[in-house]
Amino acid sequence: MRFLFSLSLTLFMLCYSSTATIAQDNYLVCLDDVESVRETLKNENKKLIFTGLSITQVPFELWASTNSYIIFFLTYDGKMCTSPGMTGQTIQINRNI
């Protein structure tokens, strides 16, 4: 499961950084006020499940509730970014990691 998650995040980052996929920028949402984003997520009953560092050294955060999840990656200029493909429905949360 972790391997598949890492693979999908890595592929997303490779695709996003490709000059041939500039049109995908329209689907990327980046927010400047990181603390407000985190506070809003907490108010929506989402919890920070884990933070990680991708193979390409991009920090990311996985936030989830019992109903949904969202993945943000953090840019070097301090923004939190996500896209519709990085959100979804939660199926199961393993609380005994």
C-alpha atoms as a PDB file:
ATOM      1  CA  MET A   1       0.000   0.000   0.000  1.00  0.00           C
ATOM      2  CA  ARG A   2       2.774   2.454   0.924  1.00  0.00           C
ATOM      3  CA  PHE A   3       4.633   1.539  -2.257  1.00  0.00           C
ATOM      4  CA  LEU A   4       1.586   2.283  -4.413  1.00  0.00           C
ATOM      5  CA  PHE A   5       1.035   5.585  -2.655  1.00  0.00           C
ATOM      6  CA  SER A   6       4.691   6.583  -3.093  1.00  0.00           C
ATOM      7  CA  LEU A   7       4.610   5.541  -6.726  1.00  0.00           C
ATOM      8  CA  SER A   8       1.472   7.535  -7.490  1.00  0.00           C
ATOM      9  CA  LEU A   9       2.839  10.643  -5.753  1.00  0.00           C
ATOM     10  CA  THR A  10       6.153  10.336  -7.591  1.00  0.00           C
ATOM     11  CA  LEU A  11       4.385   9.933 -10.929  1.00  0.00           C
ATOM     12  CA  PHE A  12       2.235  12.971 -10.170  1.00  0.00           C
ATOM     13  CA  MET A  13       5.313  15.049  -9.407  1.00  0.00           C
ATOM     14  CA  LEU A  14       7.080  13.873 -12.578  1.00  0.00           C
ATOM     15  CA  CYS A  15       4.025  14.642 -14.662  1.00  0.00           C
ATOM     16  CA  TYR A  16       3.512  18.044 -13.072  1.00  0.00           C
ATOM     17  CA  SER A  17       7.127  19.072 -13.535  1.00  0.00           C
ATOM     18  CA  SER A  18       7.139  18.084 -17.216  1.00  0.00           C
ATOM     19  CA  THR A  19       7.137  20.997 -19.677  1.00  0.00           C
ATOM     20  CA  ALA A  20       4.834  18.976 -21.950  1.00  0.00           C
ATOM     21  CA  THR A  21       2.031  19.139 -19.369  1.00  0.00           C
ATOM     22  CA  ILE A  22       1.780  22.862 -18.766  1.00  0.00           C
ATOM     23  CA  ALA A  23      -1.993  22.664 -19.386  1.00  0.00           C
ATOM     24  CA  GLN A  24      -2.336  20.695 -16.163  1.00  0.00           C
ATOM     25  CA  ASP A  25      -1.437  23.819 -14.190  1.00  0.00           C
ATOM     26  CA  ASN A  26      -5.101  24.811 -14.396  1.00  0.00           C
ATOM     27  CA  TYR A  27      -5.952  21.904 -12.116  1.00  0.00           C
ATOM     28  CA  LEU A  28      -3.338  22.691  -9.492  1.00  0.00           C
ATOM     29  CA  VAL A  29      -4.406  24.730  -6.472  1.00  0.00           C
ATOM     30  CA  CYS A  30      -1.704  26.406  -4.386  1.00  0.00           C
ATOM     31  CA  LEU A  31      -2.445  28.371  -1.239  1.00  0.00           C
ATOM     32  CA  ASP A  32      -0.149  30.891   0.448  1.00  0.00           C
ATOM     33  CA  ASP A  33      -1.466  30.870   4.016  1.00  0.00           C
ATOM     34  CA  VAL A  34      -0.402  27.406   5.193  1.00  0.00           C
ATOM     35  CA  GLU A  35      -1.568  27.877   8.790  1.00  0.00           C
ATOM     36  CA  SER A  36      -5.061  28.931   7.684  1.00  0.00           C
ATOM     37  CA  VAL A  37      -5.265  25.876   5.418  1.00  0.00           C
ATOM     38  CA  ARG A  38      -4.286  23.583   8.283  1.00  0.00           C
ATOM     39  CA  GLU A  39      -6.791  25.249  10.611  1.00  0.00           C
ATOM     40  CA  THR A  40      -9.551  24.863   8.013  1.00  0.00           C
ATOM     41  CA  LEU A  41      -8.717  21.170   7.602  1.00  0.00           C
ATOM     42  CA  LYS A  42      -8.920  20.696  11.381  1.00  0.00           C
ATOM     43  CA  ASN A  43     -12.293  22.471  11.429  1.00  0.00           C
ATOM     44  CA  GLU A  44     -13.483  19.964   8.788  1.00  0.00           C
ATOM     45  CA  ASN A  45     -12.548  17.138  11.200  1.00  0.00           C
ATOM     46  CA  LYS A  46      -9.557  16.106   9.119  1.00  0.00           C
ATOM     47  CA  LYS A  47      -6.442  14.958  10.935  1.00  0.00           C
ATOM     48  CA  LEU A  48      -2.862  15.053   9.793  1.00  0.00           C
ATOM     49  CA  ILE A  49      -2.219  11.342   9.221  1.00  0.00           C
ATOM     50  CA  PHE A  50       1.406  11.662   8.170  1.00  0.00           C
ATOM     51  CA  THR A  51       3.988  13.852   6.540  1.00  0.00           C
ATOM     52  CA  GLY A  52       6.606  12.545   4.188  1.00  0.00           C
ATOM     53  CA  LEU A  53       9.380  13.396   1.806  1.00  0.00           C
ATOM     54  CA  SER A  54       9.154  12.075  -1.738  1.00  0.00           C
ATOM     55  CA  ILE A  55      12.059  10.541  -3.607  1.00  0.00           C
ATOM     56  CA  THR A  56      12.492  13.902  -5.326  1.00  0.00           C
ATOM     57  CA  GLN A  57      12.706  15.626  -1.903  1.00  0.00           C
ATOM     58  CA  VAL A  58       9.245  17.198  -2.062  1.00  0.00           C
ATOM     59  CA  PRO A  59       7.567  17.388   1.355  1.00  0.00           C
ATOM     60  CA  PHE A  60       3.912  16.338   1.483  1.00  0.00           C
ATOM     61  CA  GLU A  61       1.094  15.906   3.991  1.00  0.00           C
ATOM     62  CA  LEU A  62      -1.831  13.477   4.038  1.00  0.00           C
ATOM     63  CA  TRP A  63      -4.939  14.756   5.811  1.00  0.00           C
ATOM     64  CA  ALA A  64      -7.940  12.472   6.303  1.00  0.00           C
ATOM     65  CA  SER A  65     -11.245  12.050   8.056  1.00  0.00           C
ATOM     66  CA  THR A  66     -13.461   8.993   8.186  1.00  0.00           C
ATOM     67  CA  ASN A  67     -15.106  10.181   4.946  1.00  0.00           C
ATOM     68  CA  SER A  68     -12.410  11.773   2.783  1.00  0.00           C
ATOM     69  CA  TYR A  69      -8.724  12.524   2.354  1.00  0.00           C
ATOM     70  CA  ILE A  70      -6.555  15.157   0.684  1.00  0.00           C
ATOM     71  CA  ILE A  71      -2.851  15.218  -0.108  1.00  0.00           C
ATOM     72  CA  PHE A  72      -0.896  18.456  -0.165  1.00  0.00           C
ATOM     73  CA  PHE A  73       2.661  18.935  -1.301  1.00  0.00           C
ATOM     74  CA  LEU A  74       4.672  21.857  -0.023  1.00  0.00           C
ATOM     75  CA  THR A  75       6.580  24.129  -2.367  1.00  0.00           C
ATOM     76  CA  TYR A  76       9.959  25.648  -1.660  1.00  0.00           C
ATOM     77  CA  ASP A  77       8.382  29.104  -1.532  1.00  0.00           C
ATOM     78  CA  GLY A  78       6.061  28.061   1.313  1.00  0.00           C
ATOM     79  CA  LYS A  79       2.807  27.210  -0.470  1.00  0.00           C
ATOM     80  CA  MET A  80       0.565  24.172  -0.008  1.00  0.00           C
ATOM     81  CA  CYS A  81      -0.585  22.687  -3.318  1.00  0.00           C
ATOM     82  CA  THR A  82      -3.099  20.023  -4.264  1.00  0.00           C
ATOM     83  CA  SER A  83      -5.240  19.002  -7.213  1.00  0.00           C
ATOM     84  CA  PRO A  84      -8.532  17.162  -7.707  1.00  0.00           C
ATOM     85  CA  GLY A  85      -6.602  13.946  -8.350  1.00  0.00           C
ATOM     86  CA  MET A  86      -5.091  14.143  -4.871  1.00  0.00           C
ATOM     87  CA  THR A  87      -8.412  13.986  -3.035  1.00  0.00           C
ATOM     88  CA  GLY A  88     -10.803  11.138  -2.546  1.00  0.00           C
ATOM     89  CA  GLN A  89     -12.977   8.979  -0.353  1.00  0.00           C
ATOM     90  CA  THR A  90     -11.492   7.287   2.693  1.00  0.00           C
ATOM     91  CA  ILE A  91     -12.031   3.534   2.712  1.00  0.00           C
ATOM     92  CA  GLN A  92     -10.084   2.552   5.816  1.00  0.00           C
ATOM     93  CA  ILE A  93      -7.764   4.236   8.305  1.00  0.00           C
ATOM     94  CA  ASN A  94      -5.296   2.003  10.115  1.00  0.00           C
ATOM     95  CA  ARG A  95      -4.986   3.511  13.562  1.00  0.00           C
ATOM     96  CA  ASN A  96      -2.348   1.013  14.723  1.00  0.00           C
ATOM     97  CA  ILE A  97       0.607   2.075  12.599  1.00  0.00           C
END
